[in-house]
């Protein structure tokens, strides 16, 4: 019986390591995409002006899965394309990216994380149906929580796919539209209006964190 338990534990550990390794490959793939695209920080201005919409959407679908900051894409889109096009491209890429993150979290992260927490007699909290909307809205609307972490955290908390996608996509599309307007705003009116918008977003995030977050019950 002891040997069987050891064999089962070893198999579970191997399975968890394989899943985590597959997840780590996402980050390697993200770096590889930049290398293959001959990314050079000194050529960013030229790269932005010459970016094809399909290439932009492809990068935005994949790179944030590997931890690349989503705000960079919002600003990039606002610089490379007219505002309405930037918003549409970002919205489409967000729908694909968020949809891809859901099964990745469940297939590659849920089991290893559950096994790790079980070793410390802990487990992932599962949200009630009543709290799924509130938690998803809170996580997605608070600036400062990395987009990549948002993508993987919510499925692990038991959020159903429909509210996860619809709430996440709608909120991030609003953020994308606002941030995509900043480059053109800076060009026409200087940095002051852009800084005002950024300050308002930060204050809203602080309000959420201090007041709404404290009153939120995860049980």
Protein backbone atom coordinates (compact mmCIF):
# COMPACT_ATOMS: atom_id res chain seq x y z
CA UNK A 1 0.00 0.00 0.00
CA UNK A 2 2.86 2.36 0.86
CA UNK A 3 4.53 1.62 -2.49
CA UNK A 4 1.29 2.32 -4.33
CA UNK A 5 0.88 5.64 -2.53
CA UNK A 6 4.46 6.61 -3.35
CA UNK A 7 3.96 5.64 -6.99
CA UNK A 8 0.73 7.68 -7.15
CA UNK A 9 2.40 10.67 -5.50
CA UNK A 10 5.33 10.48 -7.90
CA UNK A 11 2.96 10.28 -10.87
CA UNK A 12 1.01 13.32 -9.63
CA UNK A 13 4.23 15.28 -9.15
CA UNK A 14 5.42 14.38 -12.65
CA UNK A 15 2.06 15.39 -14.10
CA UNK A 16 2.18 18.74 -12.29
CA UNK A 17 5.74 19.41 -13.47
CA UNK A 18 4.78 18.62 -17.05
CA UNK A 19 1.84 21.04 -16.89
CA UNK A 20 4.01 23.79 -15.40
CA UNK A 21 6.65 23.16 -18.05
CA UNK A 22 4.03 23.51 -20.76
CA UNK A 23 2.90 26.78 -19.19
CA UNK A 24 6.51 28.01 -19.07
CA UNK A 25 6.78 27.34 -22.80
CA UNK A 26 4.27 30.17 -23.31
CA UNK A 27 6.84 32.65 -22.02
CA UNK A 28 9.55 31.10 -24.18
CA UNK A 29 7.23 31.32 -27.19
CA UNK A 30 6.58 34.99 -26.45
CA UNK A 31 10.29 35.79 -26.41
CA UNK A 32 10.79 33.73 -29.56
CA UNK A 33 8.11 35.75 -31.37
CA UNK A 34 10.00 38.95 -30.56
CA UNK A 35 13.28 37.45 -31.76
CA UNK A 36 11.77 36.17 -35.01
CA UNK A 37 10.22 39.58 -35.60
CA UNK A 38 13.70 41.11 -35.27
CA UNK A 39 12.49 43.34 -32.46
CA UNK A 40 14.79 46.26 -31.77
CA UNK A 41 13.89 48.98 -29.28
CA UNK A 42 15.70 51.58 -31.39
CA UNK A 43 13.42 50.76 -34.33
CA UNK A 44 10.14 51.01 -32.44
CA UNK A 45 9.02 54.21 -34.15
CA UNK A 46 9.50 52.71 -37.62
CA UNK A 47 8.01 49.41 -36.51
CA UNK A 48 4.87 51.13 -35.27
CA UNK A 49 4.31 53.00 -38.52
CA UNK A 50 4.81 49.87 -40.62
CA UNK A 51 2.82 47.41 -38.51
CA UNK A 52 0.20 45.43 -40.41
CA UNK A 53 -3.12 45.09 -38.51
CA UNK A 54 -3.07 41.26 -38.69
CA UNK A 55 0.48 41.17 -37.31
CA UNK A 56 -0.53 43.50 -34.48
CA UNK A 57 -3.59 41.40 -33.62
CA UNK A 58 -1.51 38.20 -33.71
CA UNK A 59 1.10 39.59 -31.32
CA UNK A 60 -1.56 40.98 -29.00
CA UNK A 61 -3.34 37.62 -28.90
CA UNK A 62 -0.21 35.70 -27.89
CA UNK A 63 2.33 37.89 -26.08
CA UNK A 64 0.10 38.91 -23.11
CA UNK A 65 -0.37 35.19 -22.40
CA UNK A 66 3.36 35.18 -21.69
CA UNK A 67 3.22 38.19 -19.39
CA UNK A 68 3.83 41.01 -21.89
CA UNK A 69 2.14 44.20 -20.59
CA UNK A 70 -1.22 44.74 -22.28
CA UNK A 71 -0.99 48.54 -21.87
CA UNK A 72 1.89 48.59 -24.34
CA UNK A 73 -0.41 47.22 -27.02
CA UNK A 74 -3.11 49.78 -26.23
CA UNK A 75 -0.65 52.66 -26.63
CA UNK A 76 1.01 51.01 -29.63
CA UNK A 77 -2.37 50.68 -31.39
CA UNK A 78 -3.21 54.31 -30.67
CA UNK A 79 0.05 55.38 -32.28
CA UNK A 80 -0.06 53.05 -35.29
CA UNK A 81 -3.72 53.29 -36.31
CA UNK A 82 -6.62 55.76 -36.26
CA UNK A 83 -8.41 55.68 -32.91
CA UNK A 84 -11.48 53.77 -34.09
CA UNK A 85 -9.36 51.16 -35.83
CA UNK A 86 -7.10 50.82 -32.80
CA UNK A 87 -10.12 50.18 -30.60
CA UNK A 88 -11.54 47.54 -32.97
CA UNK A 89 -8.18 45.75 -33.35
CA UNK A 90 -7.58 45.74 -29.59
CA UNK A 91 -11.13 44.54 -28.91
CA UNK A 92 -10.77 41.62 -31.33
CA UNK A 93 -7.37 40.64 -29.97
CA UNK A 94 -8.67 40.85 -26.38
CA UNK A 95 -11.56 38.50 -27.15
CA UNK A 96 -9.14 35.90 -28.54
CA UNK A 97 -6.50 36.38 -25.83
CA UNK A 98 -8.96 36.15 -22.93
CA UNK A 99 -10.62 33.09 -24.47
CA UNK A 100 -7.26 31.33 -24.84
CA UNK A 101 -6.22 32.11 -21.27
CA UNK A 102 -9.24 30.33 -19.78
CA UNK A 103 -8.40 26.75 -20.88
CA UNK A 104 -4.70 27.37 -20.32
CA UNK A 105 -5.39 28.23 -16.68
CA UNK A 106 -7.61 25.19 -16.16
CA UNK A 107 -5.50 22.67 -18.07
CA UNK A 108 -1.97 23.76 -17.15
CA UNK A 109 -2.20 25.63 -13.84
CA UNK A 110 -5.16 24.31 -11.85
CA UNK A 111 -3.79 20.82 -11.11
CA UNK A 112 -0.21 21.83 -10.20
CA UNK A 113 -1.43 24.68 -8.03
CA UNK A 114 -3.97 22.45 -6.30
CA UNK A 115 -1.29 19.85 -5.61
CA UNK A 116 1.10 22.45 -4.21
CA UNK A 117 -1.54 23.96 -1.94
CA UNK A 118 -2.65 20.49 -0.79
CA UNK A 119 0.84 19.83 0.56
CA UNK A 120 0.27 22.77 2.92
CA UNK A 121 -3.32 21.73 3.71
CA UNK A 122 -4.65 24.63 1.66
CA UNK A 123 -6.92 24.85 -1.36
CA UNK A 124 -8.04 27.37 -3.92
CA UNK A 125 -11.10 29.39 -2.82
CA UNK A 126 -14.12 28.85 -5.06
CA UNK A 127 -16.52 31.73 -5.49
CA UNK A 128 -20.26 31.49 -5.11
CA UNK A 129 -22.34 32.27 -8.20
CA UNK A 130 -23.46 35.51 -6.55
CA UNK A 131 -19.88 36.74 -6.16
CA UNK A 132 -18.54 35.71 -9.58
CA UNK A 133 -19.70 38.91 -11.27
CA UNK A 134 -18.45 41.18 -8.48
CA UNK A 135 -15.02 39.56 -8.24
CA UNK A 136 -14.52 39.49 -12.01
CA UNK A 137 -15.55 43.13 -12.29
CA UNK A 138 -13.28 44.12 -9.40
CA UNK A 139 -10.22 42.25 -10.65
CA UNK A 140 -10.60 43.55 -14.19
CA UNK A 141 -11.34 47.15 -13.27
CA UNK A 142 -8.56 47.75 -10.71
CA UNK A 143 -5.39 49.18 -12.33
CA UNK A 144 -2.20 47.64 -11.04
CA UNK A 145 -3.14 43.95 -11.18
CA UNK A 146 -1.10 42.53 -14.11
CA UNK A 147 -3.32 41.56 -17.02
CA UNK A 148 -1.62 38.16 -17.33
CA UNK A 149 -2.34 37.43 -13.66
CA UNK A 150 -5.97 38.51 -14.10
CA UNK A 151 -6.36 36.13 -17.03
CA UNK A 152 -5.19 33.10 -15.09
CA UNK A 153 -6.45 33.94 -11.61
CA UNK A 154 -10.16 34.24 -12.43
CA UNK A 155 -10.59 30.77 -13.98
CA UNK A 156 -8.75 29.25 -11.00
CA UNK A 157 -11.35 30.83 -8.69
CA UNK A 158 -14.11 28.96 -10.46
CA UNK A 159 -15.45 31.81 -12.59
CA UNK A 160 -17.66 30.44 -15.38
CA UNK A 161 -16.47 31.11 -18.92
CA UNK A 162 -19.41 33.30 -20.03
CA UNK A 163 -19.14 35.95 -17.28
CA UNK A 164 -15.35 35.66 -17.35
CA UNK A 165 -15.22 36.48 -21.06
CA UNK A 166 -18.00 39.06 -21.30
CA UNK A 167 -17.00 41.11 -18.25
CA UNK A 168 -13.27 40.89 -18.95
CA UNK A 169 -13.64 41.74 -22.63
CA UNK A 170 -15.99 44.69 -22.09
CA UNK A 171 -13.92 46.32 -19.33
CA UNK A 172 -10.60 45.87 -21.10
CA UNK A 173 -12.07 47.18 -24.35
CA UNK A 174 -13.03 50.38 -22.53
CA UNK A 175 -9.48 50.63 -21.16
CA UNK A 176 -8.10 49.97 -24.64
CA UNK A 177 -10.24 52.72 -26.18
CA UNK A 178 -9.12 55.20 -23.52
CA UNK A 179 -5.43 54.39 -23.71
CA UNK A 180 -5.42 54.22 -27.52
CA UNK A 181 -6.56 57.85 -27.51
CA UNK A 182 -3.60 59.00 -25.40
CA UNK A 183 -0.90 59.12 -28.14
CA UNK A 184 -3.07 61.30 -30.41
CA UNK A 185 -4.11 63.40 -27.41
CA UNK A 186 -0.49 64.02 -26.48
CA UNK A 187 0.35 64.96 -30.06
CA UNK A 188 -2.48 67.51 -30.28
CA UNK A 189 -2.73 68.89 -26.75
CA UNK A 190 0.46 67.95 -24.92
CA UNK A 191 1.00 65.72 -21.90
CA UNK A 192 -1.27 67.50 -19.40
CA UNK A 193 -4.65 66.10 -20.63
CA UNK A 194 -3.13 62.63 -20.91
CA UNK A 195 -1.75 62.81 -17.37
CA UNK A 196 -5.18 63.91 -16.12
CA UNK A 197 -6.80 60.85 -17.70
CA UNK A 198 -4.15 58.53 -16.25
CA UNK A 199 -4.58 60.13 -12.80
CA UNK A 200 -8.34 59.60 -12.93
CA UNK A 201 -7.84 55.91 -13.78
CA UNK A 202 -5.40 55.51 -10.89
CA UNK A 203 -7.78 57.22 -8.47
CA UNK A 204 -10.63 54.96 -9.58
CA UNK A 205 -8.40 51.95 -9.02
CA UNK A 206 -7.47 53.20 -5.56
CA UNK A 207 -11.16 53.71 -4.73
CA UNK A 208 -11.94 50.14 -5.76
CA UNK A 209 -9.07 48.75 -3.74
CA UNK A 210 -9.80 50.68 -0.53
CA UNK A 211 -13.58 50.58 -0.41
CA UNK A 212 -15.09 47.94 -2.67
CA UNK A 213 -12.32 45.40 -2.09
CA UNK A 214 -12.71 45.56 1.71
CA UNK A 215 -16.42 44.88 1.51
CA UNK A 216 -16.11 41.95 -0.90
CA UNK A 217 -16.94 38.53 0.55
CA UNK A 218 -15.33 35.64 -1.32
CA UNK A 219 -17.30 33.01 0.50
